Amino acid sequence: SEARMAPEDGRDVSLLRHWTRERLDALHTDPGRRLGRERW
């Protein structure tokens, strides 16, 4: 109810998920993307 920055459901824990996905989608290298898929 008080969240201003988080996406959709408004919880900061969901913001963490959004931040992670945003960063993994921006990766440049094949080795980085492979490791990113594993961590995701």
PDB file of all heavy atoms in Angstrom:
ATOM      1  N   SER A   1       0.804  -1.222   0.000  1.00  0.00           N
ATOM      2  CA  SER A   1       0.000   0.000   0.000  1.00  0.00           C
ATOM      3  C   SER A   1       0.836   1.271   0.000  1.00  0.00           C
ATOM      4  O   SER A   1       0.391   2.299  -0.498  1.00  0.00           O
ATOM      5  CB  SER A   1      -0.943   0.006   1.210  1.00  0.00           C
ATOM      6  OG  SER A   1      -0.198   0.004   2.420  1.00  0.00           O
ATOM      7  N   GLU A   2       2.059   1.224   0.566  1.00  0.00           N
ATOM      8  CA  GLU A   2       2.865   2.442   0.662  1.00  0.00           C
ATOM      9  C   GLU A   2       3.972   2.503  -0.381  1.00  0.00           C
ATOM     10  O   GLU A   2       4.719   3.463  -0.427  1.00  0.00           O
ATOM     11  CB  GLU A   2       3.495   2.531   2.063  1.00  0.00           C
ATOM     12  CG  GLU A   2       2.486   2.676   3.194  1.00  0.00           C
ATOM     13  CD  GLU A   2       1.628   3.912   3.033  1.00  0.00           C
ATOM     14  OE1 GLU A   2       2.170   4.945   2.600  1.00  0.00           O
ATOM     15  OE2 GLU A   2       0.426   3.848   3.314  1.00  0.00           O
ATOM     16  N   ALA A   3       4.101   1.482  -1.195  1.00  0.00           N
ATOM     17  CA  ALA A   3       5.228   1.434  -2.126  1.00  0.00           C
ATOM     18  C   ALA A   3       5.040   2.431  -3.267  1.00  0.00           C
ATOM     19  O   ALA A   3       3.944   2.627  -3.748  1.00  0.00           O
ATOM     20  CB  ALA A   3       5.391   0.026  -2.686  1.00  0.00           C
ATOM     21  N   ARG A   4       6.151   3.051  -3.699  1.00  0.00           N
ATOM     22  CA  ARG A   4       6.103   4.008  -4.788  1.00  0.00           C
ATOM     23  C   ARG A   4       6.928   3.569  -5.996  1.00  0.00           C
ATOM     24  O   ARG A   4       6.697   4.022  -7.094  1.00  0.00           O
ATOM     25  CB  ARG A   4       6.640   5.369  -4.318  1.00  0.00           C
ATOM     26  CG  ARG A   4       5.752   6.061  -3.306  1.00  0.00           C
ATOM     27  CD  ARG A   4       6.228   7.467  -3.018  1.00  0.00           C
ATOM     28  NE  ARG A   4       7.488   7.468  -2.285  1.00  0.00           N
ATOM     29  CZ  ARG A   4       8.637   7.854  -2.793  1.00  0.00           C
ATOM     30  NH1 ARG A   4       8.720   8.244  -4.032  1.00  0.00           N
ATOM     31  NH2 ARG A   4       9.733   7.838  -2.060  1.00  0.00           N
ATOM     32  N   MET A   5       7.911   2.700  -5.780  1.00  0.00           N
ATOM     33  CA  MET A   5       8.842   2.396  -6.858  1.00  0.00           C
ATOM     34  C   MET A   5       8.673   0.989  -7.421  1.00  0.00           C
ATOM     35  O   MET A   5       9.077   0.718  -8.537  1.00  0.00           O
ATOM     36  CB  MET A   5      10.289   2.525  -6.357  1.00  0.00           C
ATOM     37  CG  MET A   5      10.685   3.948  -6.003  1.00  0.00           C
ATOM     38  SD  MET A   5      12.344   4.009  -5.322  1.00  0.00           S
ATOM     39  CE  MET A   5      13.298   3.315  -6.668  1.00  0.00           C
ATOM     40  N   ALA A   6       8.108   0.075  -6.667  1.00  0.00           N
ATOM     41  CA  ALA A   6       8.104  -1.318  -7.084  1.00  0.00           C
ATOM     42  C   ALA A   6       7.117  -1.556  -8.217  1.00  0.00           C
ATOM     43  O   ALA A   6       6.102  -0.889  -8.325  1.00  0.00           O
ATOM     44  CB  ALA A   6       7.751  -2.210  -5.891  1.00  0.00           C
ATOM     45  N   PRO A   7       7.404  -2.533  -9.098  1.00  0.00           N
ATOM     46  CA  PRO A   7       6.502  -2.819 -10.202  1.00  0.00           C
ATOM     47  C   PRO A   7       5.310  -3.662  -9.770  1.00  0.00           C
ATOM     48  O   PRO A   7       5.389  -4.435  -8.821  1.00  0.00           O
ATOM     49  CB  PRO A   7       7.401  -3.620 -11.167  1.00  0.00           C
ATOM     50  CG  PRO A   7       8.375  -4.305 -10.253  1.00  0.00           C
ATOM     51  CD  PRO A   7       8.626  -3.335  -9.124  1.00  0.00           C
ATOM     52  N   GLU A   8       4.200  -3.507 -10.445  1.00  0.00           N
ATOM     53  CA  GLU A   8       3.025  -4.364 -10.349  1.00  0.00           C
ATOM     54  C   GLU A   8       2.511  -4.532  -8.925  1.00  0.00           C
ATOM     55  O   GLU A   8       1.682  -3.769  -8.471  1.00  0.00           O
ATOM     56  CB  GLU A   8       3.307  -5.719 -11.015  1.00  0.00           C
ATOM     57  CG  GLU A   8       3.576  -5.550 -12.503  1.00  0.00           C
ATOM     58  CD  GLU A   8       3.811  -6.863 -13.196  1.00  0.00           C
ATOM     59  OE1 GLU A   8       3.692  -7.927 -12.553  1.00  0.00           O
ATOM     60  OE2 GLU A   8       4.119  -6.819 -14.403  1.00  0.00           O
ATOM     61  N   ASP A   9       3.006  -5.539  -8.185  1.00  0.00           N
ATOM     62  CA  ASP A   9       2.400  -5.790  -6.873  1.00  0.00           C
ATOM     63  C   ASP A   9       2.930  -4.854  -5.803  1.00  0.00           C
ATOM     64  O   ASP A   9       2.447  -4.856  -4.673  1.00  0.00           O
ATOM     65  CB  ASP A   9       2.563  -7.249  -6.452  1.00  0.00           C
ATOM     66  CG  ASP A   9       4.010  -7.654  -6.210  1.00  0.00           C
ATOM     67  OD1 ASP A   9       4.877  -6.767  -6.150  1.00  0.00           O
ATOM     68  OD2 ASP A   9       4.267  -8.857  -6.072  1.00  0.00           O
ATOM     69  N   GLY A  10       3.965  -4.023  -6.116  1.00  0.00           N
ATOM     70  CA  GLY A  10       4.374  -2.957  -5.226  1.00  0.00           C
ATOM     71  C   GLY A  10       5.277  -3.343  -4.080  1.00  0.00           C
ATOM     72  O   GLY A  10       5.643  -2.507  -3.271  1.00  0.00           O
ATOM     73  N   ARG A  11       5.693  -4.587  -3.969  1.00  0.00           N
ATOM     74  CA  ARG A  11       6.555  -4.973  -2.860  1.00  0.00           C
ATOM     75  C   ARG A  11       8.023  -4.814  -3.246  1.00  0.00           C
ATOM     76  O   ARG A  11       8.403  -5.082  -4.385  1.00  0.00           O
ATOM     77  CB  ARG A  11       6.277  -6.424  -2.466  1.00  0.00           C
ATOM     78  CG  ARG A  11       4.903  -6.621  -1.862  1.00  0.00           C
ATOM     79  CD  ARG A  11       4.651  -8.065  -1.543  1.00  0.00           C
ATOM     80  NE  ARG A  11       4.742  -8.899  -2.735  1.00  0.00           N
ATOM     81  CZ  ARG A  11       4.421 -10.194  -2.740  1.00  0.00           C
ATOM     82  NH1 ARG A  11       4.022 -10.792  -1.642  1.00  0.00           N
ATOM     83  NH2 ARG A  11       4.519 -10.908  -3.853  1.00  0.00           N
ATOM     84  N   ASP A  12       8.837  -4.440  -2.285  1.00  0.00           N
ATOM     85  CA  ASP A  12      10.256  -4.293  -2.573  1.00  0.00           C
ATOM     86  C   ASP A  12      10.890  -5.622  -2.966  1.00  0.00           C
ATOM     87  O   ASP A  12      11.847  -5.650  -3.729  1.00  0.00           O
ATOM     88  CB  ASP A  12      10.984  -3.702  -1.362  1.00  0.00           C
ATOM     89  CG  ASP A  12      10.779  -2.197  -1.278  1.00  0.00           C
ATOM     90  OD1 ASP A  12      10.721  -1.554  -2.335  1.00  0.00           O
ATOM     91  OD2 ASP A  12      10.651  -1.676  -0.167  1.00  0.00           O
ATOM     92  N   VAL A  13      10.356  -6.722  -2.456  1.00  0.00           N
ATOM     93  CA  VAL A  13      10.917  -8.011  -2.846  1.00  0.00           C
ATOM     94  C   VAL A  13      10.678  -8.268  -4.335  1.00  0.00           C
ATOM     95  O   VAL A  13      11.494  -8.877  -5.019  1.00  0.00           O
ATOM     96  CB  VAL A  13      10.348  -9.156  -1.980  1.00  0.00           C
ATOM     97  CG1 VAL A  13       8.881  -9.417  -2.295  1.00  0.00           C
ATOM     98  CG2 VAL A  13      11.177 -10.424  -2.147  1.00  0.00           C
ATOM     99  N   SER A  14       9.564  -7.758  -4.866  1.00  0.00           N
ATOM    100  CA  SER A  14       9.324  -7.869  -6.298  1.00  0.00           C
ATOM    101  C   SER A  14      10.234  -6.935  -7.088  1.00  0.00           C
ATOM    102  O   SER A  14      10.612  -7.227  -8.225  1.00  0.00           O
ATOM    103  CB  SER A  14       7.867  -7.560  -6.619  1.00  0.00           C
ATOM    104  OG  SER A  14       7.008  -8.513  -6.033  1.00  0.00           O
ATOM    105  N   LEU A  15      10.582  -5.809  -6.490  1.00  0.00           N
ATOM    106  CA  LEU A  15      11.538  -4.907  -7.118  1.00  0.00           C
ATOM    107  C   LEU A  15      12.878  -5.616  -7.318  1.00  0.00           C
ATOM    108  O   LEU A  15      13.536  -5.430  -8.343  1.00  0.00           O
ATOM    109  CB  LEU A  15      11.721  -3.653  -6.257  1.00  0.00           C
ATOM    110  CG  LEU A  15      12.653  -2.571  -6.796  1.00  0.00           C
ATOM    111  CD1 LEU A  15      12.156  -2.046  -8.130  1.00  0.00           C
ATOM    112  CD2 LEU A  15      12.773  -1.431  -5.794  1.00  0.00           C
ATOM    113  N   LEU A  16      13.283  -6.465  -6.363  1.00  0.00           N
ATOM    114  CA  LEU A  16      14.527  -7.208  -6.516  1.00  0.00           C
ATOM    115  C   LEU A  16      14.475  -8.091  -7.759  1.00  0.00           C
ATOM    116  O   LEU A  16      15.442  -8.172  -8.518  1.00  0.00           O
ATOM    117  CB  LEU A  16      14.791  -8.081  -5.286  1.00  0.00           C
ATOM    118  CG  LEU A  16      14.829  -7.410  -3.921  1.00  0.00           C
ATOM    119  CD1 LEU A  16      15.292  -8.409  -2.862  1.00  0.00           C
ATOM    120  CD2 LEU A  16      15.721  -6.189  -3.923  1.00  0.00           C
ATOM    121  N   ARG A  17      13.358  -8.752  -7.943  1.00  0.00           N
ATOM    122  CA  ARG A  17      13.208  -9.619  -9.118  1.00  0.00           C
ATOM    123  C   ARG A  17      13.265  -8.798 -10.406  1.00  0.00           C
ATOM    124  O   ARG A  17      13.920  -9.203 -11.390  1.00  0.00           O
ATOM    125  CB  ARG A  17      11.881 -10.368  -9.010  1.00  0.00           C
ATOM    126  CG  ARG A  17      11.665 -11.411 -10.095  1.00  0.00           C
ATOM    127  CD  ARG A  17      10.384 -12.175  -9.801  1.00  0.00           C
ATOM    128  NE  ARG A  17      10.200 -13.294 -10.686  1.00  0.00           N
ATOM    129  CZ  ARG A  17       9.354 -14.286 -10.459  1.00  0.00           C
ATOM    130  NH1 ARG A  17       8.629 -14.282  -9.350  1.00  0.00           N
ATOM    131  NH2 ARG A  17       9.222 -15.275 -11.321  1.00  0.00           N
ATOM    132  N   HIS A  18      12.606  -7.664 -10.411  1.00  0.00           N
ATOM    133  CA  HIS A  18      12.605  -6.778 -11.573  1.00  0.00           C
ATOM    134  C   HIS A  18      14.021  -6.289 -11.877  1.00  0.00           C
ATOM    135  O   HIS A  18      14.457  -6.295 -13.040  1.00  0.00           O
ATOM    136  CB  HIS A  18      11.673  -5.595 -11.298  1.00  0.00           C
ATOM    137  CG  HIS A  18      11.704  -4.541 -12.358  1.00  0.00           C
ATOM    138  ND1 HIS A  18      11.086  -4.686 -13.582  1.00  0.00           N
ATOM    139  CD2 HIS A  18      12.295  -3.318 -12.377  1.00  0.00           C
ATOM    140  CE1 HIS A  18      11.294  -3.599 -14.313  1.00  0.00           C
ATOM    141  NE2 HIS A  18      12.014  -2.759 -13.602  1.00  0.00           N
ATOM    142  N   TRP A  19      14.740  -5.856 -10.855  1.00  0.00           N
ATOM    143  CA  TRP A  19      16.114  -5.390 -11.048  1.00  0.00           C
ATOM    144  C   TRP A  19      17.001  -6.492 -11.615  1.00  0.00           C
ATOM    145  O   TRP A  19      17.825  -6.247 -12.497  1.00  0.00           O
ATOM    146  CB  TRP A  19      16.690  -4.906  -9.721  1.00  0.00           C
ATOM    147  CG  TRP A  19      16.286  -3.522  -9.333  1.00  0.00           C
ATOM    148  CD1 TRP A  19      15.668  -2.585 -10.115  1.00  0.00           C
ATOM    149  CD2 TRP A  19      16.475  -2.913  -8.056  1.00  0.00           C
ATOM    150  NE1 TRP A  19      15.457  -1.432  -9.399  1.00  0.00           N
ATOM    151  CE2 TRP A  19      15.942  -1.595  -8.142  1.00  0.00           C
ATOM    152  CE3 TRP A  19      17.033  -3.335  -6.864  1.00  0.00           C
ATOM    153  CZ2 TRP A  19      15.970  -0.714  -7.062  1.00  0.00           C
ATOM    154  CZ3 TRP A  19      17.057  -2.461  -5.783  1.00  0.00           C
ATOM    155  CH2 TRP A  19      16.525  -1.166  -5.891  1.00  0.00           C
ATOM    156  N   THR A  20      16.866  -7.691 -11.094  1.00  0.00           N
ATOM    157  CA  THR A  20      17.680  -8.798 -11.574  1.00  0.00           C
ATOM    158  C   THR A  20      17.419  -9.077 -13.043  1.00  0.00           C
ATOM    159  O   THR A  20      18.347  -9.200 -13.855  1.00  0.00           O
ATOM    160  CB  THR A  20      17.417 -10.067 -10.747  1.00  0.00           C
ATOM    161  OG1 THR A  20      17.684  -9.807  -9.370  1.00  0.00           O
ATOM    162  CG2 THR A  20      18.288 -11.212 -11.219  1.00  0.00           C
ATOM    163  N   ARG A  21      16.141  -9.184 -13.405  1.00  0.00           N
ATOM    164  CA  ARG A  21      15.787  -9.484 -14.797  1.00  0.00           C
ATOM    165  C   ARG A  21      16.282  -8.390 -15.733  1.00  0.00           C
ATOM    166  O   ARG A  21      16.796  -8.666 -16.833  1.00  0.00           O
ATOM    167  CB  ARG A  21      14.275  -9.641 -14.907  1.00  0.00           C
ATOM    168  CG  ARG A  21      13.762 -10.126 -16.251  1.00  0.00           C
ATOM    169  CD  ARG A  21      14.199 -11.553 -16.533  1.00  0.00           C
ATOM    170  NE  ARG A  21      15.357 -11.629 -17.388  1.00  0.00           N
ATOM    171  CZ  ARG A  21      16.029 -12.732 -17.605  1.00  0.00           C
ATOM    172  NH1 ARG A  21      15.672 -13.864 -17.006  1.00  0.00           N
ATOM    173  NH2 ARG A  21      17.076 -12.750 -18.411  1.00  0.00           N
ATOM    174  N   GLU A  22      16.131  -7.141 -15.304  1.00  0.00           N
ATOM    175  CA  GLU A  22      16.583  -6.006 -16.110  1.00  0.00           C
ATOM    176  C   GLU A  22      18.073  -6.107 -16.404  1.00  0.00           C
ATOM    177  O   GLU A  22      18.517  -5.854 -17.540  1.00  0.00           O
ATOM    178  CB  GLU A  22      16.272  -4.707 -15.368  1.00  0.00           C
ATOM    179  CG  GLU A  22      16.715  -3.440 -16.077  1.00  0.00           C
ATOM    180  CD  GLU A  22      16.463  -2.206 -15.241  1.00  0.00           C
ATOM    181  OE1 GLU A  22      16.730  -2.231 -14.014  1.00  0.00           O
ATOM    182  OE2 GLU A  22      15.983  -1.209 -15.818  1.00  0.00           O
ATOM    183  N   ARG A  23      18.848  -6.477 -15.405  1.00  0.00           N
ATOM    184  CA  ARG A  23      20.299  -6.563 -15.573  1.00  0.00           C
ATOM    185  C   ARG A  23      20.701  -7.757 -16.436  1.00  0.00           C
ATOM    186  O   ARG A  23      21.597  -7.641 -17.279  1.00  0.00           O
ATOM    187  CB  ARG A  23      20.974  -6.606 -14.198  1.00  0.00           C
ATOM    188  CG  ARG A  23      21.052  -5.224 -13.572  1.00  0.00           C
ATOM    189  CD  ARG A  23      21.038  -5.222 -12.054  1.00  0.00           C
ATOM    190  NE  ARG A  23      21.147  -3.849 -11.565  1.00  0.00           N
ATOM    191  CZ  ARG A  23      20.137  -2.965 -11.587  1.00  0.00           C
ATOM    192  NH1 ARG A  23      18.963  -3.318 -12.081  1.00  0.00           N
ATOM    193  NH2 ARG A  23      20.317  -1.740 -11.124  1.00  0.00           N
ATOM    194  N   LEU A  24      20.059  -8.869 -16.249  1.00  0.00           N
ATOM    195  CA  LEU A  24      20.402 -10.040 -17.052  1.00  0.00           C
ATOM    196  C   LEU A  24      20.012  -9.835 -18.510  1.00  0.00           C
ATOM    197  O   LEU A  24      20.698 -10.333 -19.411  1.00  0.00           O
ATOM    198  CB  LEU A  24      19.722 -11.280 -16.483  1.00  0.00           C
ATOM    199  CG  LEU A  24      20.197 -11.715 -15.085  1.00  0.00           C
ATOM    200  CD1 LEU A  24      19.473 -12.974 -14.647  1.00  0.00           C
ATOM    201  CD2 LEU A  24      21.710 -11.928 -15.057  1.00  0.00           C
ATOM    202  N   ASP A  25      18.948  -9.108 -18.761  1.00  0.00           N
ATOM    203  CA  ASP A  25      18.544  -8.838 -20.142  1.00  0.00           C
ATOM    204  C   ASP A  25      19.526  -7.914 -20.855  1.00  0.00           C
ATOM    205  O   ASP A  25      19.525  -7.851 -22.094  1.00  0.00           O
ATOM    206  CB  ASP A  25      17.150  -8.203 -20.169  1.00  0.00           C
ATOM    207  CG  ASP A  25      16.045  -9.205 -19.875  1.00  0.00           C
ATOM    208  OD1 ASP A  25      16.319 -10.432 -19.951  1.00  0.00           O
ATOM    209  OD2 ASP A  25      14.922  -8.776 -19.541  1.00  0.00           O
ATOM    210  N   ALA A  26      20.351  -7.198 -20.106  1.00  0.00           N
ATOM    211  CA  ALA A  26      21.284  -6.236 -20.697  1.00  0.00           C
ATOM    212  C   ALA A  26      22.670  -6.814 -20.950  1.00  0.00           C
ATOM    213  O   ALA A  26      23.544  -6.112 -21.470  1.00  0.00           O
ATOM    214  CB  ALA A  26      21.412  -5.015 -19.781  1.00  0.00           C
ATOM    215  N   LEU A  27      22.906  -8.079 -20.615  1.00  0.00           N
ATOM    216  CA  LEU A  27      24.244  -8.654 -20.738  1.00  0.00           C
ATOM    217  C   LEU A  27      24.720  -8.669 -22.192  1.00  0.00           C
ATOM    218  O   LEU A  27      23.926  -8.834 -23.120  1.00  0.00           O
ATOM    219  CB  LEU A  27      24.263 -10.076 -20.171  1.00  0.00           C
ATOM    220  CG  LEU A  27      23.929 -10.195 -18.681  1.00  0.00           C
ATOM    221  CD1 LEU A  27      23.946 -11.652 -18.249  1.00  0.00           C
ATOM    222  CD2 LEU A  27      24.881  -9.358 -17.827  1.00  0.00           C
ATOM    223  N   HIS A  28      26.036  -8.537 -22.383  1.00  0.00           N
ATOM    224  CA  HIS A  28      26.621  -8.385 -23.709  1.00  0.00           C
ATOM    225  C   HIS A  28      27.252  -9.659 -24.262  1.00  0.00           C
ATOM    226  O   HIS A  28      27.290  -9.841 -25.482  1.00  0.00           O
ATOM    227  CB  HIS A  28      27.702  -7.296 -23.683  1.00  0.00           C
ATOM    228  CG  HIS A  28      27.166  -5.922 -23.447  1.00  0.00           C
ATOM    229  ND1 HIS A  28      26.613  -5.143 -24.451  1.00  0.00           N
ATOM    230  CD2 HIS A  28      27.102  -5.173 -22.315  1.00  0.00           C
ATOM    231  CE1 HIS A  28      26.229  -3.987 -23.951  1.00  0.00           C
ATOM    232  NE2 HIS A  28      26.521  -3.974 -22.663  1.00  0.00           N
ATOM    233  N   THR A  29      27.799 -10.508 -23.431  1.00  0.00           N
ATOM    234  CA  THR A  29      28.633 -11.607 -23.915  1.00  0.00           C
ATOM    235  C   THR A  29      27.920 -12.954 -23.781  1.00  0.00           C
ATOM    236  O   THR A  29      27.067 -13.140 -22.902  1.00  0.00           O
ATOM    237  CB  THR A  29      29.963 -11.676 -23.145  1.00  0.00           C
ATOM    238  OG1 THR A  29      29.715 -12.058 -21.783  1.00  0.00           O
ATOM    239  CG2 THR A  29      30.671 -10.322 -23.170  1.00  0.00           C
ATOM    240  N   ASP A  30      28.313 -13.897 -24.625  1.00  0.00           N
ATOM    241  CA  ASP A  30      27.745 -15.246 -24.536  1.00  0.00           C
ATOM    242  C   ASP A  30      28.063 -15.917 -23.200  1.00  0.00           C
ATOM    243  O   ASP A  30      27.163 -16.501 -22.583  1.00  0.00           O
ATOM    244  CB  ASP A  30      28.241 -16.104 -25.697  1.00  0.00           C
ATOM    245  CG  ASP A  30      27.627 -15.683 -27.032  1.00  0.00           C
ATOM    246  OD1 ASP A  30      26.554 -15.049 -27.020  1.00  0.00           O
ATOM    247  OD2 ASP A  30      28.232 -15.989 -28.082  1.00  0.00           O
ATOM    248  N   PRO A  31      29.319 -15.857 -22.707  1.00  0.00           N
ATOM    249  CA  PRO A  31      29.575 -16.453 -21.387  1.00  0.00           C
ATOM    250  C   PRO A  31      28.757 -15.798 -20.280  1.00  0.00           C
ATOM    251  O   PRO A  31      28.285 -16.475 -19.365  1.00  0.00           O
ATOM    252  CB  PRO A  31      31.082 -16.218 -21.182  1.00  0.00           C
ATOM    253  CG  PRO A  31      31.643 -16.044 -22.543  1.00  0.00           C
ATOM    254  CD  PRO A  31      30.570 -15.377 -23.343  1.00  0.00           C
ATOM    255  N   GLY A  32      28.565 -14.495 -20.358  1.00  0.00           N
ATOM    256  CA  GLY A  32      27.752 -13.798 -19.362  1.00  0.00           C
ATOM    257  C   GLY A  32      26.309 -14.249 -19.406  1.00  0.00           C
ATOM    258  O   GLY A  32      25.687 -14.489 -18.359  1.00  0.00           O
ATOM    259  N   ARG A  33      25.763 -14.388 -20.611  1.00  0.00           N
ATOM    260  CA  ARG A  33      24.369 -14.818 -20.725  1.00  0.00           C
ATOM    261  C   ARG A  33      24.185 -16.256 -20.251  1.00  0.00           C
ATOM    262  O   ARG A  33      23.145 -16.577 -19.643  1.00  0.00           O
ATOM    263  CB  ARG A  33      23.894 -14.636 -22.163  1.00  0.00           C
ATOM    264  CG  ARG A  33      23.641 -13.171 -22.542  1.00  0.00           C
ATOM    265  CD  ARG A  33      22.989 -13.046 -23.897  1.00  0.00           C
ATOM    266  NE  ARG A  33      23.942 -13.279 -24.974  1.00  0.00           N
ATOM    267  CZ  ARG A  33      24.618 -12.315 -25.596  1.00  0.00           C
ATOM    268  NH1 ARG A  33      24.456 -11.053 -25.223  1.00  0.00           N
ATOM    269  NH2 ARG A  33      25.454 -12.595 -26.573  1.00  0.00           N
ATOM    270  N   ARG A  34      25.164 -17.104 -20.505  1.00  0.00           N
ATOM    271  CA  ARG A  34      25.051 -18.492 -20.027  1.00  0.00           C
ATOM    272  C   ARG A  34      25.009 -18.531 -18.505  1.00  0.00           C
ATOM    273  O   ARG A  34      24.180 -19.225 -17.906  1.00  0.00           O
ATOM    274  CB  ARG A  34      26.208 -19.335 -20.560  1.00  0.00           C
ATOM    275  CG  ARG A  34      26.090 -19.691 -22.033  1.00  0.00           C
ATOM    276  CD  ARG A  34      27.040 -20.793 -22.412  1.00  0.00           C
ATOM    277  NE  ARG A  34      28.435 -20.398 -22.320  1.00  0.00           N
ATOM    278  CZ  ARG A  34      29.121 -19.844 -23.328  1.00  0.00           C
ATOM    279  NH1 ARG A  34      28.525 -19.609 -24.496  1.00  0.00           N
ATOM    280  NH2 ARG A  34      30.398 -19.523 -23.177  1.00  0.00           N
ATOM    281  N   LEU A  35      25.925 -17.804 -17.869  1.00  0.00           N
ATOM    282  CA  LEU A  35      25.925 -17.772 -16.416  1.00  0.00           C
ATOM    283  C   LEU A  35      24.672 -17.083 -15.892  1.00  0.00           C
ATOM    284  O   LEU A  35      24.114 -17.469 -14.853  1.00  0.00           O
ATOM    285  CB  LEU A  35      27.183 -17.054 -15.909  1.00  0.00           C
ATOM    286  CG  LEU A  35      27.399 -17.037 -14.393  1.00  0.00           C
ATOM    287  CD1 LEU A  35      27.369 -18.448 -13.815  1.00  0.00           C
ATOM    288  CD2 LEU A  35      28.716 -16.349 -14.049  1.00  0.00           C
ATOM    289  N   GLY A  36      24.200 -16.080 -16.618  1.00  0.00           N
ATOM    290  CA  GLY A  36      22.979 -15.393 -16.220  1.00  0.00           C
ATOM    291  C   GLY A  36      21.782 -16.323 -16.210  1.00  0.00           C
ATOM    292  O   GLY A  36      20.944 -16.257 -15.293  1.00  0.00           O
ATOM    293  N   ARG A  37      21.672 -17.192 -17.199  1.00  0.00           N
ATOM    294  CA  ARG A  37      20.554 -18.144 -17.222  1.00  0.00           C
ATOM    295  C   ARG A  37      20.599 -19.073 -16.017  1.00  0.00           C
ATOM    296  O   ARG A  37      19.561 -19.378 -15.405  1.00  0.00           O
ATOM    297  CB  ARG A  37      20.577 -18.945 -18.523  1.00  0.00           C
ATOM    298  CG  ARG A  37      20.126 -18.156 -19.742  1.00  0.00           C
ATOM    299  CD  ARG A  37      19.895 -19.049 -20.926  1.00  0.00           C
ATOM    300  NE  ARG A  37      21.131 -19.627 -21.437  1.00  0.00           N
ATOM    301  CZ  ARG A  37      21.884 -19.059 -22.374  1.00  0.00           C
ATOM    302  NH1 ARG A  37      21.548 -17.881 -22.892  1.00  0.00           N
ATOM    303  NH2 ARG A  37      22.977 -19.657 -22.799  1.00  0.00           N
ATOM    304  N   GLU A  38      21.794 -19.511 -15.662  1.00  0.00           N
ATOM    305  CA  GLU A  38      21.949 -20.392 -14.500  1.00  0.00           C
ATOM    306  C   GLU A  38      21.537 -19.679 -13.213  1.00  0.00           C
ATOM    307  O   GLU A  38      20.811 -20.239 -12.380  1.00  0.00           O
ATOM    308  CB  GLU A  38      23.405 -20.855 -14.397  1.00  0.00           C
ATOM    309  CG  GLU A  38      23.720 -21.711 -13.199  1.00  0.00           C
ATOM    310  CD  GLU A  38      25.201 -22.024 -13.113  1.00  0.00           C
ATOM    311  OE1 GLU A  38      25.834 -22.223 -14.177  1.00  0.00           O
ATOM    312  OE2 GLU A  38      25.734 -22.054 -11.979  1.00  0.00           O
ATOM    313  N   ARG A  39      21.967 -18.442 -13.061  1.00  0.00           N
ATOM    314  CA  ARG A  39      21.633 -17.701 -11.839  1.00  0.00           C
ATOM    315  C   ARG A  39      20.147 -17.315 -11.801  1.00  0.00           C
ATOM    316  O   ARG A  39      19.551 -17.261 -10.727  1.00  0.00           O
ATOM    317  CB  ARG A  39      22.531 -16.475 -11.703  1.00  0.00           C
ATOM    318  CG  ARG A  39      23.987 -16.852 -11.471  1.00  0.00           C
ATOM    319  CD  ARG A  39      24.834 -15.700 -11.019  1.00  0.00           C
ATOM    320  NE  ARG A  39      26.189 -16.154 -10.721  1.00  0.00           N
ATOM    321  CZ  ARG A  39      27.129 -15.393 -10.171  1.00  0.00           C
ATOM    322  NH1 ARG A  39      26.841 -14.140  -9.841  1.00  0.00           N
ATOM    323  NH2 ARG A  39      28.326 -15.871  -9.924  1.00  0.00           N
ATOM    324  N   TRP A  40      19.560 -17.057 -12.955  1.00  0.00           N
ATOM    325  CA  TRP A  40      18.141 -16.720 -12.985  1.00  0.00           C
ATOM    326  C   TRP A  40      17.290 -17.904 -12.520  1.00  0.00           C
ATOM    327  O   TRP A  40      16.245 -17.710 -11.891  1.00  0.00           O
ATOM    328  CB  TRP A  40      17.722 -16.284 -14.380  1.00  0.00           C
ATOM    329  CG  TRP A  40      16.269 -15.947 -14.471  1.00  0.00           C
ATOM    330  CD1 TRP A  40      15.296 -16.634 -15.135  1.00  0.00           C
ATOM    331  CD2 TRP A  40      15.608 -14.828 -13.852  1.00  0.00           C
ATOM    332  NE1 TRP A  40      14.069 -16.017 -14.985  1.00  0.00           N
ATOM    333  CE2 TRP A  40      14.239 -14.905 -14.204  1.00  0.00           C
ATOM    334  CE3 TRP A  40      16.050 -13.770 -13.048  1.00  0.00           C
ATOM    335  CZ2 TRP A  40      13.305 -13.970 -13.769  1.00  0.00           C
ATOM    336  CZ3 TRP A  40      15.115 -12.838 -12.612  1.00  0.00           C
ATOM    337  CH2 TRP A  40      13.765 -12.933 -12.969  1.00  0.00           C
TER     338      TRP A  40
END
